[in-house]
Amino acid sequence: MLKRHFLKAAVSAALLIGTAFSAHAADDALARIKAAGVMKVGTETAFAPFDFIDAGEHTGLNVDFFAELGKDLGVKIEWVELPWDGVFPALEAGKFDFVAGPATITKARLERFKMTAPIAEATVAILKKAGDTSITKPEDIAGKAVGSGKATSQFAQLQEYSATLPTKVTAREYVSFNDAYADLAAGRIVAVANSLPNIAFVAKQRKGAFEVVTPAFGKKSYFGFIGKKDADSASLVDYVNSEVIKMKKDGRLAKMQEKWFGTTFDTPDEVKEPTF
């Protein structure tokens, strides 16, 4: 009899522990998003054509992508907008679930965060004023004032490239790339260093005002979305990553690229060894 009671107690304890473990396992970031019916996504809205305000409306490739993801997941997407240099600290502080950005996939970022498969190429190039014959190739920015985004890999690459030139560039950081474009138009700087997709979009939108300087000077790199690197966020990052690959395979991502960049990019499903 005593043995039977002991066995019943042991089984009950095991079931209790198993139930508690299952409840804990299910109570992660992805489970909470599904339960709430809302996914909060952090971004800045000054990084066209990925994320920007057009005629008062939030638009861009990021908006299109997460709208599709929300449909697939069955949740509403709630956007949280803030300056780019505050996005990563806010993610770590739990202000939102994911970062749209997107951000260049780098070794330093992979040490700190989990990043998805690439959504586009991120190689850096130069934008100049239309008709500026003093800059016909990337190395012509030597000794000149060039702007880029604060706390971005584009700015870091500009600095690296500057170190290879006979005369260093006067590199200026801008909280918003839009401010850099405004200073370029006003003649306060001679060029802006940004990813090729971004400046190709700006040159297209403001034809006759700006031109892209080719070839791109930056190392081959890619953009990805960003999540937290912890056990609680693991299934969420895996889900968003699977959505990137799924949309790439079913053609939705290519349609978004064509819509916003005027071209498509052949990107890998994973970046194991970033170029910088």
C-alpha atoms as a PDB file:
ATOM      1  CA  MET A   1       0.000   0.000   0.000  1.00  0.00           C
ATOM      2  CA  LEU A   2       2.783   2.396   0.982  1.00  0.00           C
ATOM      3  CA  LYS A   3       4.605   1.588  -2.245  1.00  0.00           C
ATOM      4  CA  ARG A   4       1.437   2.302  -4.269  1.00  0.00           C
ATOM      5  CA  HIS A   5       1.007   5.715  -2.589  1.00  0.00           C
ATOM      6  CA  PHE A   6       4.648   6.512  -3.236  1.00  0.00           C
ATOM      7  CA  LEU A   7       4.301   5.642  -6.939  1.00  0.00           C
ATOM      8  CA  LYS A   8       1.130   7.762  -7.259  1.00  0.00           C
ATOM      9  CA  ALA A   9       2.871  10.683  -5.573  1.00  0.00           C
ATOM     10  CA  ALA A  10       5.892  10.335  -7.852  1.00  0.00           C
ATOM     11  CA  VAL A  11       3.716  10.236 -10.971  1.00  0.00           C
ATOM     12  CA  SER A  12       1.743  13.279  -9.804  1.00  0.00           C
ATOM     13  CA  ALA A  13       4.951  15.197  -9.121  1.00  0.00           C
ATOM     14  CA  ALA A  14       6.318  14.284 -12.542  1.00  0.00           C
ATOM     15  CA  LEU A  15       3.104  15.416 -14.240  1.00  0.00           C
ATOM     16  CA  LEU A  16       3.186  18.667 -12.279  1.00  0.00           C
ATOM     17  CA  ILE A  17       6.783  19.332 -13.246  1.00  0.00           C
ATOM     18  CA  GLY A  18       6.052  18.437 -16.887  1.00  0.00           C
ATOM     19  CA  THR A  19       3.025  20.741 -17.001  1.00  0.00           C
ATOM     20  CA  ALA A  20       4.990  23.593 -15.458  1.00  0.00           C
ATOM     21  CA  PHE A  21       7.821  23.057 -17.939  1.00  0.00           C
ATOM     22  CA  SER A  22       5.427  23.013 -20.905  1.00  0.00           C
ATOM     23  CA  ALA A  23       3.728  26.195 -19.710  1.00  0.00           C
ATOM     24  CA  HIS A  24       7.095  27.881 -19.305  1.00  0.00           C
ATOM     25  CA  ALA A  25       8.255  26.704 -22.743  1.00  0.00           C
ATOM     26  CA  ALA A  26       5.101  28.052 -24.364  1.00  0.00           C
ATOM     27  CA  ASP A  27       5.387  31.392 -22.598  1.00  0.00           C
ATOM     28  CA  ASP A  28       8.080  32.842 -24.834  1.00  0.00           C
ATOM     29  CA  ALA A  29       8.072  35.947 -27.030  1.00  0.00           C
ATOM     30  CA  LEU A  30       6.367  34.261 -30.000  1.00  0.00           C
ATOM     31  CA  ALA A  31       3.688  32.688 -27.784  1.00  0.00           C
ATOM     32  CA  ARG A  32       2.953  36.022 -26.112  1.00  0.00           C
ATOM     33  CA  ILE A  33       2.640  37.759 -29.495  1.00  0.00           C
ATOM     34  CA  LYS A  34       0.172  35.119 -30.693  1.00  0.00           C
ATOM     35  CA  ALA A  35      -1.819  35.375 -27.465  1.00  0.00           C
ATOM     36  CA  ALA A  36      -1.922  39.199 -27.624  1.00  0.00           C
ATOM     37  CA  GLY A  37      -2.611  39.283 -31.352  1.00  0.00           C
ATOM     38  CA  VAL A  38      -0.058  42.088 -31.737  1.00  0.00           C
ATOM     39  CA  MET A  39       3.606  42.195 -32.732  1.00  0.00           C
ATOM     40  CA  LYS A  40       5.482  45.396 -31.880  1.00  0.00           C
ATOM     41  CA  VAL A  41       8.166  46.340 -34.387  1.00  0.00           C
ATOM     42  CA  GLY A  42      10.705  49.108 -33.816  1.00  0.00           C
ATOM     43  CA  THR A  43      12.082  51.239 -36.631  1.00  0.00           C
ATOM     44  CA  GLU A  44      13.104  54.683 -37.765  1.00  0.00           C
ATOM     45  CA  THR A  45      11.107  56.344 -40.523  1.00  0.00           C
ATOM     46  CA  ALA A  46      13.920  58.142 -42.324  1.00  0.00           C
ATOM     47  CA  PHE A  47      15.523  55.300 -44.272  1.00  0.00           C
ATOM     48  CA  ALA A  48      13.790  55.263 -47.661  1.00  0.00           C
ATOM     49  CA  PRO A  49      12.872  53.069 -49.394  1.00  0.00           C
ATOM     50  CA  PHE A  50      12.843  50.617 -46.486  1.00  0.00           C
ATOM     51  CA  ASP A  51      11.006  52.808 -44.007  1.00  0.00           C
ATOM     52  CA  PHE A  52       9.818  56.394 -44.469  1.00  0.00           C
ATOM     53  CA  ILE A  53       6.900  58.795 -44.336  1.00  0.00           C
ATOM     54  CA  ASP A  54       5.326  59.713 -47.662  1.00  0.00           C
ATOM     55  CA  ALA A  55       2.502  62.278 -47.668  1.00  0.00           C
ATOM     56  CA  GLY A  56       1.956  61.535 -43.990  1.00  0.00           C
ATOM     57  CA  GLU A  57       1.770  57.768 -44.518  1.00  0.00           C
ATOM     58  CA  HIS A  58       4.221  55.231 -43.112  1.00  0.00           C
ATOM     59  CA  THR A  59       5.440  53.197 -46.078  1.00  0.00           C
ATOM     60  CA  GLY A  60       8.370  51.247 -47.522  1.00  0.00           C
ATOM     61  CA  LEU A  61       9.619  47.697 -48.015  1.00  0.00           C
ATOM     62  CA  ASN A  62       9.643  47.057 -44.249  1.00  0.00           C
ATOM     63  CA  VAL A  63       5.970  47.976 -44.004  1.00  0.00           C
ATOM     64  CA  ASP A  64       5.083  45.656 -46.895  1.00  0.00           C
ATOM     65  CA  PHE A  65       7.131  42.777 -45.471  1.00  0.00           C
ATOM     66  CA  PHE A  66       5.737  42.932 -41.948  1.00  0.00           C
ATOM     67  CA  ALA A  67       2.204  43.345 -43.291  1.00  0.00           C
ATOM     68  CA  GLU A  68       2.662  39.994 -45.055  1.00  0.00           C
ATOM     69  CA  LEU A  69       4.229  38.475 -41.944  1.00  0.00           C
ATOM     70  CA  GLY A  70       1.313  39.706 -39.827  1.00  0.00           C
ATOM     71  CA  LYS A  71      -1.134  38.011 -42.195  1.00  0.00           C
ATOM     72  CA  ASP A  72       0.808  34.736 -42.067  1.00  0.00           C
ATOM     73  CA  LEU A  73       1.085  34.843 -38.270  1.00  0.00           C
ATOM     74  CA  GLY A  74      -2.445  36.116 -37.751  1.00  0.00           C
ATOM     75  CA  VAL A  75      -1.494  39.203 -35.736  1.00  0.00           C
ATOM     76  CA  LYS A  76      -1.582  42.976 -36.073  1.00  0.00           C
ATOM     77  CA  ILE A  77       1.700  44.841 -36.568  1.00  0.00           C
ATOM     78  CA  GLU A  78       2.187  47.798 -34.235  1.00  0.00           C
ATOM     79  CA  TRP A  79       4.985  50.167 -35.264  1.00  0.00           C
ATOM     80  CA  VAL A  80       7.204  51.943 -32.729  1.00  0.00           C
ATOM     81  CA  GLU A  81       9.197  54.794 -34.296  1.00  0.00           C
ATOM     82  CA  LEU A  82      12.362  56.333 -32.817  1.00  0.00           C
ATOM     83  CA  PRO A  83      15.775  57.636 -33.968  1.00  0.00           C
ATOM     84  CA  TRP A  84      18.093  54.901 -35.271  1.00  0.00           C
ATOM     85  CA  ASP A  85      20.716  55.290 -32.533  1.00  0.00           C
ATOM     86  CA  GLY A  86      18.040  54.478 -29.965  1.00  0.00           C
ATOM     87  CA  VAL A  87      16.582  51.424 -31.723  1.00  0.00           C
ATOM     88  CA  PHE A  88      18.945  48.729 -30.431  1.00  0.00           C
ATOM     89  CA  PRO A  89      18.913  49.874 -26.779  1.00  0.00           C
ATOM     90  CA  ALA A  90      15.101  49.984 -26.932  1.00  0.00           C
ATOM     91  CA  LEU A  91      14.978  46.427 -28.298  1.00  0.00           C
ATOM     92  CA  GLU A  92      17.166  45.187 -25.448  1.00  0.00           C
ATOM     93  CA  ALA A  93      14.964  47.085 -22.981  1.00  0.00           C
ATOM     94  CA  GLY A  94      11.898  45.233 -24.289  1.00  0.00           C
ATOM     95  CA  LYS A  95      10.131  48.257 -25.816  1.00  0.00           C
ATOM     96  CA  PHE A  96       9.180  46.118 -28.825  1.00  0.00           C
ATOM     97  CA  ASP A  97       9.570  42.573 -30.147  1.00  0.00           C
ATOM     98  CA  PHE A  98      11.692  43.029 -33.271  1.00  0.00           C
ATOM     99  CA  VAL A  99      13.601  45.637 -35.283  1.00  0.00           C
ATOM    100  CA  ALA A 100      12.652  46.256 -38.899  1.00  0.00           C
ATOM    101  CA  GLY A 101      15.512  48.635 -39.624  1.00  0.00           C
ATOM    102  CA  PRO A 102      16.905  46.903 -41.523  1.00  0.00           C
ATOM    103  CA  ALA A 103      20.556  46.752 -40.440  1.00  0.00           C
ATOM    104  CA  THR A 104      23.673  45.586 -42.206  1.00  0.00           C
ATOM    105  CA  ILE A 105      24.657  42.100 -41.057  1.00  0.00           C
ATOM    106  CA  THR A 106      28.045  42.492 -39.366  1.00  0.00           C
ATOM    107  CA  LYS A 107      30.201  40.367 -37.063  1.00  0.00           C
ATOM    108  CA  ALA A 108      29.707  42.810 -34.202  1.00  0.00           C
ATOM    109  CA  ARG A 109      25.926  42.751 -34.546  1.00  0.00           C
ATOM    110  CA  LEU A 110      25.801  38.956 -34.737  1.00  0.00           C
ATOM    111  CA  GLU A 111      27.659  38.818 -31.416  1.00  0.00           C
ATOM    112  CA  ARG A 112      25.009  41.017 -29.823  1.00  0.00           C
ATOM    113  CA  PHE A 113      21.808  40.111 -31.714  1.00  0.00           C
ATOM    114  CA  LYS A 114      20.168  37.458 -33.879  1.00  0.00           C
ATOM    115  CA  MET A 115      19.623  38.558 -37.463  1.00  0.00           C
ATOM    116  CA  THR A 116      17.475  37.133 -40.207  1.00  0.00           C
ATOM    117  CA  ALA A 117      18.400  35.977 -43.667  1.00  0.00           C
ATOM    118  CA  PRO A 118      19.165  38.929 -45.961  1.00  0.00           C
ATOM    119  CA  ILE A 119      16.284  40.898 -47.451  1.00  0.00           C
ATOM    120  CA  ALA A 120      18.510  42.940 -49.794  1.00  0.00           C
ATOM    121  CA  GLU A 121      22.086  43.814 -50.631  1.00  0.00           C
ATOM    122  CA  ALA A 122      23.641  46.563 -48.489  1.00  0.00           C
ATOM    123  CA  THR A 123      26.851  47.434 -50.341  1.00  0.00           C
ATOM    124  CA  VAL A 124      27.743  51.100 -49.819  1.00  0.00           C
ATOM    125  CA  ALA A 125      28.000  53.677 -52.603  1.00  0.00           C
ATOM    126  CA  ILE A 126      28.170  57.448 -53.031  1.00  0.00           C
ATOM    127  CA  LEU A 127      25.386  59.893 -53.890  1.00  0.00           C
ATOM    128  CA  LYS A 128      26.378  63.292 -55.293  1.00  0.00           C
ATOM    129  CA  LYS A 129      24.645  66.366 -56.692  1.00  0.00           C
ATOM    130  CA  ALA A 130      23.697  65.977 -60.321  1.00  0.00           C
ATOM    131  CA  GLY A 131      26.258  67.586 -62.609  1.00  0.00           C
ATOM    132  CA  ASP A 132      29.075  67.617 -60.038  1.00  0.00           C
ATOM    133  CA  THR A 133      32.051  66.798 -62.291  1.00  0.00           C
ATOM    134  CA  SER A 134      34.520  66.894 -59.388  1.00  0.00           C
ATOM    135  CA  ILE A 135      33.294  63.428 -58.297  1.00  0.00           C
ATOM    136  CA  THR A 136      33.240  60.852 -61.076  1.00  0.00           C
ATOM    137  CA  LYS A 137      34.516  57.864 -59.079  1.00  0.00           C
ATOM    138  CA  PRO A 138      34.464  56.937 -55.363  1.00  0.00           C
ATOM    139  CA  GLU A 139      38.069  57.982 -54.634  1.00  0.00           C
ATOM    140  CA  ASP A 140      37.234  61.551 -55.713  1.00  0.00           C
ATOM    141  CA  ILE A 141      35.689  62.138 -52.251  1.00  0.00           C
ATOM    142  CA  ALA A 142      39.210  62.293 -50.777  1.00  0.00           C
ATOM    143  CA  GLY A 143      39.614  65.438 -48.660  1.00  0.00           C
ATOM    144  CA  LYS A 144      35.942  66.377 -49.036  1.00  0.00           C
ATOM    145  CA  ALA A 145      32.980  66.581 -46.635  1.00  0.00           C
ATOM    146  CA  VAL A 146      30.791  63.479 -46.893  1.00  0.00           C
ATOM    147  CA  GLY A 147      27.763  62.632 -44.769  1.00  0.00           C
ATOM    148  CA  SER A 148      26.344  59.336 -43.557  1.00  0.00           C
ATOM    149  CA  GLY A 149      24.038  57.985 -40.847  1.00  0.00           C
ATOM    150  CA  LYS A 150      24.930  58.089 -37.175  1.00  0.00           C
ATOM    151  CA  ALA A 151      25.598  54.674 -35.608  1.00  0.00           C
ATOM    152  CA  THR A 152      25.333  52.912 -38.990  1.00  0.00           C
ATOM    153  CA  SER A 153      27.648  50.463 -40.704  1.00  0.00           C
ATOM    154  CA  GLN A 154      27.557  52.821 -43.695  1.00  0.00           C
ATOM    155  CA  PHE A 155      29.326  55.466 -41.616  1.00  0.00           C
ATOM    156  CA  ALA A 156      31.832  52.880 -40.361  1.00  0.00           C
ATOM    157  CA  GLN A 157      32.583  51.803 -43.933  1.00  0.00           C
ATOM    158  CA  LEU A 158      32.980  55.418 -45.009  1.00  0.00           C
ATOM    159  CA  GLN A 159      35.604  55.860 -42.300  1.00  0.00           C
ATOM    160  CA  GLU A 160      37.377  52.652 -43.357  1.00  0.00           C
ATOM    161  CA  TYR A 161      37.398  53.733 -46.986  1.00  0.00           C
ATOM    162  CA  SER A 162      38.592  57.204 -46.018  1.00  0.00           C
ATOM    163  CA  ALA A 163      41.667  55.668 -44.391  1.00  0.00           C
ATOM    164  CA  THR A 164      42.701  54.199 -47.765  1.00  0.00           C
ATOM    165  CA  LEU A 165      42.605  57.555 -49.576  1.00  0.00           C
ATOM    166  CA  PRO A 166      45.504  60.012 -49.983  1.00  0.00           C
ATOM    167  CA  THR A 167      43.564  62.605 -47.984  1.00  0.00           C
ATOM    168  CA  LYS A 168      41.005  61.597 -45.380  1.00  0.00           C
ATOM    169  CA  VAL A 169      37.354  62.407 -45.879  1.00  0.00           C
ATOM    170  CA  THR A 170      35.680  64.850 -43.494  1.00  0.00           C
ATOM    171  CA  ALA A 171      33.022  62.367 -42.399  1.00  0.00           C
ATOM    172  CA  ARG A 172      29.885  63.899 -40.898  1.00  0.00           C
ATOM    173  CA  GLU A 173      27.294  61.913 -38.940  1.00  0.00           C
ATOM    174  CA  TYR A 174      23.575  62.582 -39.327  1.00  0.00           C
ATOM    175  CA  VAL A 175      20.780  61.274 -37.117  1.00  0.00           C
ATOM    176  CA  SER A 176      18.637  61.085 -40.258  1.00  0.00           C
ATOM    177  CA  PHE A 177      19.803  60.370 -43.807  1.00  0.00           C
ATOM    178  CA  ASN A 178      17.158  62.852 -44.926  1.00  0.00           C
ATOM    179  CA  ASP A 179      19.154  65.566 -43.166  1.00  0.00           C
ATOM    180  CA  ALA A 180      22.261  64.418 -45.013  1.00  0.00           C
ATOM    181  CA  TYR A 181      20.433  64.616 -48.345  1.00  0.00           C
ATOM    182  CA  ALA A 182      19.227  68.113 -47.443  1.00  0.00           C
ATOM    183  CA  ASP A 183      22.788  69.221 -46.701  1.00  0.00           C
ATOM    184  CA  LEU A 184      23.957  67.668 -49.970  1.00  0.00           C
ATOM    185  CA  ALA A 185      21.307  69.605 -51.889  1.00  0.00           C
ATOM    186  CA  ALA A 186      22.327  72.796 -50.064  1.00  0.00           C
ATOM    187  CA  GLY A 187      26.021  72.268 -50.820  1.00  0.00           C
ATOM    188  CA  ARG A 188      27.107  71.861 -47.188  1.00  0.00           C
ATOM    189  CA  ILE A 189      28.567  68.445 -48.051  1.00  0.00           C
ATOM    190  CA  VAL A 190      29.594  67.064 -51.445  1.00  0.00           C
ATOM    191  CA  ALA A 191      28.301  63.523 -51.096  1.00  0.00           C
ATOM    192  CA  VAL A 192      26.366  61.034 -48.968  1.00  0.00           C
ATOM    193  CA  ALA A 193      27.534  57.465 -48.297  1.00  0.00           C
ATOM    194  CA  ASN A 194      24.661  55.036 -47.995  1.00  0.00           C
ATOM    195  CA  SER A 195      23.697  51.585 -49.230  1.00  0.00           C
ATOM    196  CA  LEU A 196      23.223  51.226 -52.976  1.00  0.00           C
ATOM    197  CA  PRO A 197      19.478  50.388 -52.705  1.00  0.00           C
ATOM    198  CA  ASN A 198      18.826  53.513 -50.650  1.00  0.00           C
ATOM    199  CA  ILE A 199      20.664  56.000 -52.827  1.00  0.00           C
ATOM    200  CA  ALA A 200      19.391  54.410 -56.049  1.00  0.00           C
ATOM    201  CA  PHE A 201      15.871  55.066 -54.724  1.00  0.00           C
ATOM    202  CA  VAL A 202      16.712  58.666 -53.756  1.00  0.00           C
ATOM    203  CA  ALA A 203      18.327  59.360 -57.159  1.00  0.00           C
ATOM    204  CA  LYS A 204      15.274  57.894 -58.879  1.00  0.00           C
ATOM    205  CA  GLN A 205      12.845  59.940 -56.774  1.00  0.00           C
ATOM    206  CA  ARG A 206      14.820  63.154 -57.223  1.00  0.00           C
ATOM    207  CA  LYS A 207      15.990  62.748 -60.783  1.00  0.00           C
ATOM    208  CA  GLY A 208      17.962  65.757 -61.932  1.00  0.00           C
ATOM    209  CA  ALA A 209      18.980  66.644 -58.367  1.00  0.00           C
ATOM    210  CA  PHE A 210      21.168  63.664 -57.393  1.00  0.00           C
ATOM    211  CA  GLU A 211      23.272  61.014 -59.110  1.00  0.00           C
ATOM    212  CA  VAL A 212      24.785  57.715 -57.957  1.00  0.00           C
ATOM    213  CA  VAL A 213      28.562  57.418 -58.264  1.00  0.00           C
ATOM    214  CA  THR A 214      29.586  53.986 -59.530  1.00  0.00           C
ATOM    215  CA  PRO A 215      31.051  51.549 -58.742  1.00  0.00           C
ATOM    216  CA  ALA A 216      30.020  51.016 -55.110  1.00  0.00           C
ATOM    217  CA  PHE A 217      33.044  51.341 -52.820  1.00  0.00           C
ATOM    218  CA  GLY A 218      31.839  49.244 -49.881  1.00  0.00           C
ATOM    219  CA  LYS A 219      32.409  45.556 -49.262  1.00  0.00           C
ATOM    220  CA  LYS A 220      29.710  43.105 -50.326  1.00  0.00           C
ATOM    221  CA  SER A 221      27.173  43.080 -47.525  1.00  0.00           C
ATOM    222  CA  TYR A 222      23.509  42.455 -46.784  1.00  0.00           C
ATOM    223  CA  PHE A 223      20.558  43.852 -44.860  1.00  0.00           C
ATOM    224  CA  GLY A 224      18.622  41.764 -42.329  1.00  0.00           C
ATOM    225  CA  PHE A 225      16.006  42.268 -39.622  1.00  0.00           C
ATOM    226  CA  ILE A 226      17.055  42.115 -35.969  1.00  0.00           C
ATOM    227  CA  GLY A 227      15.861  40.232 -32.898  1.00  0.00           C
ATOM    228  CA  LYS A 228      17.170  39.624 -29.400  1.00  0.00           C
ATOM    229  CA  LYS A 229      19.768  36.931 -28.794  1.00  0.00           C
ATOM    230  CA  ASP A 230      18.187  35.079 -25.898  1.00  0.00           C
ATOM    231  CA  ALA A 231      16.160  31.918 -25.282  1.00  0.00           C
ATOM    232  CA  ASP A 232      12.924  33.886 -24.892  1.00  0.00           C
ATOM    233  CA  SER A 233      13.223  35.312 -28.419  1.00  0.00           C
ATOM    234  CA  ALA A 234      14.649  32.228 -30.152  1.00  0.00           C
ATOM    235  CA  SER A 235      11.386  30.923 -31.622  1.00  0.00           C
ATOM    236  CA  LEU A 236      10.353  34.441 -32.703  1.00  0.00           C
ATOM    237  CA  VAL A 237      13.627  35.023 -34.554  1.00  0.00           C
ATOM    238  CA  ASP A 238      13.321  31.591 -36.166  1.00  0.00           C
ATOM    239  CA  TYR A 239       9.794  32.440 -37.299  1.00  0.00           C
ATOM    240  CA  VAL A 240      10.710  35.817 -38.837  1.00  0.00           C
ATOM    241  CA  ASN A 241      13.734  34.221 -40.494  1.00  0.00           C
ATOM    242  CA  SER A 242      11.532  31.480 -41.957  1.00  0.00           C
ATOM    243  CA  GLU A 243       9.201  34.191 -43.301  1.00  0.00           C
ATOM    244  CA  VAL A 244      12.093  35.904 -45.115  1.00  0.00           C
ATOM    245  CA  ILE A 245      13.094  32.627 -46.779  1.00  0.00           C
ATOM    246  CA  LYS A 246       9.461  31.713 -47.492  1.00  0.00           C
ATOM    247  CA  MET A 247       8.766  35.072 -49.182  1.00  0.00           C
ATOM    248  CA  LYS A 248      11.988  34.766 -51.150  1.00  0.00           C
ATOM    249  CA  LYS A 249      10.948  31.340 -52.456  1.00  0.00           C
ATOM    250  CA  ASP A 250       7.352  32.258 -53.273  1.00  0.00           C
ATOM    251  CA  GLY A 251       8.372  35.489 -55.036  1.00  0.00           C
ATOM    252  CA  ARG A 252       6.827  38.002 -52.637  1.00  0.00           C
ATOM    253  CA  LEU A 253      10.212  39.402 -51.555  1.00  0.00           C
ATOM    254  CA  ALA A 254      11.343  39.853 -55.179  1.00  0.00           C
ATOM    255  CA  LYS A 255       8.159  41.797 -55.921  1.00  0.00           C
ATOM    256  CA  MET A 256       8.868  44.080 -52.962  1.00  0.00           C
ATOM    257  CA  GLN A 257      12.476  44.613 -54.110  1.00  0.00           C
ATOM    258  CA  GLU A 258      11.354  45.425 -57.644  1.00  0.00           C
ATOM    259  CA  LYS A 259       8.715  47.814 -56.303  1.00  0.00           C
ATOM    260  CA  TRP A 260      11.057  49.761 -54.029  1.00  0.00           C
ATOM    261  CA  PHE A 261      14.500  49.421 -55.687  1.00  0.00           C
ATOM    262  CA  GLY A 262      13.617  48.928 -59.340  1.00  0.00           C
ATOM    263  CA  THR A 263      15.694  45.743 -59.263  1.00  0.00           C
ATOM    264  CA  THR A 264      16.051  42.451 -57.391  1.00  0.00           C
ATOM    265  CA  PHE A 265      18.968  41.019 -55.421  1.00  0.00           C
ATOM    266  CA  ASP A 266      20.367  37.503 -55.325  1.00  0.00           C
ATOM    267  CA  THR A 267      20.851  37.016 -51.589  1.00  0.00           C
ATOM    268  CA  PRO A 268      21.937  33.955 -49.561  1.00  0.00           C
ATOM    269  CA  ASP A 269      19.648  32.237 -47.056  1.00  0.00           C
ATOM    270  CA  GLU A 270      22.256  32.778 -44.343  1.00  0.00           C
ATOM    271  CA  VAL A 271      25.303  34.955 -43.734  1.00  0.00           C
ATOM    272  CA  LYS A 272      27.661  32.900 -41.589  1.00  0.00           C
ATOM    273  CA  GLU A 273      30.766  35.021 -42.130  1.00  0.00           C
ATOM    274  CA  PRO A 274      30.000  38.729 -42.702  1.00  0.00           C
ATOM    275  CA  THR A 275      32.620  40.620 -44.687  1.00  0.00           C
ATOM    276  CA  PHE A 276      33.142  43.066 -41.800  1.00  0.00           C
END
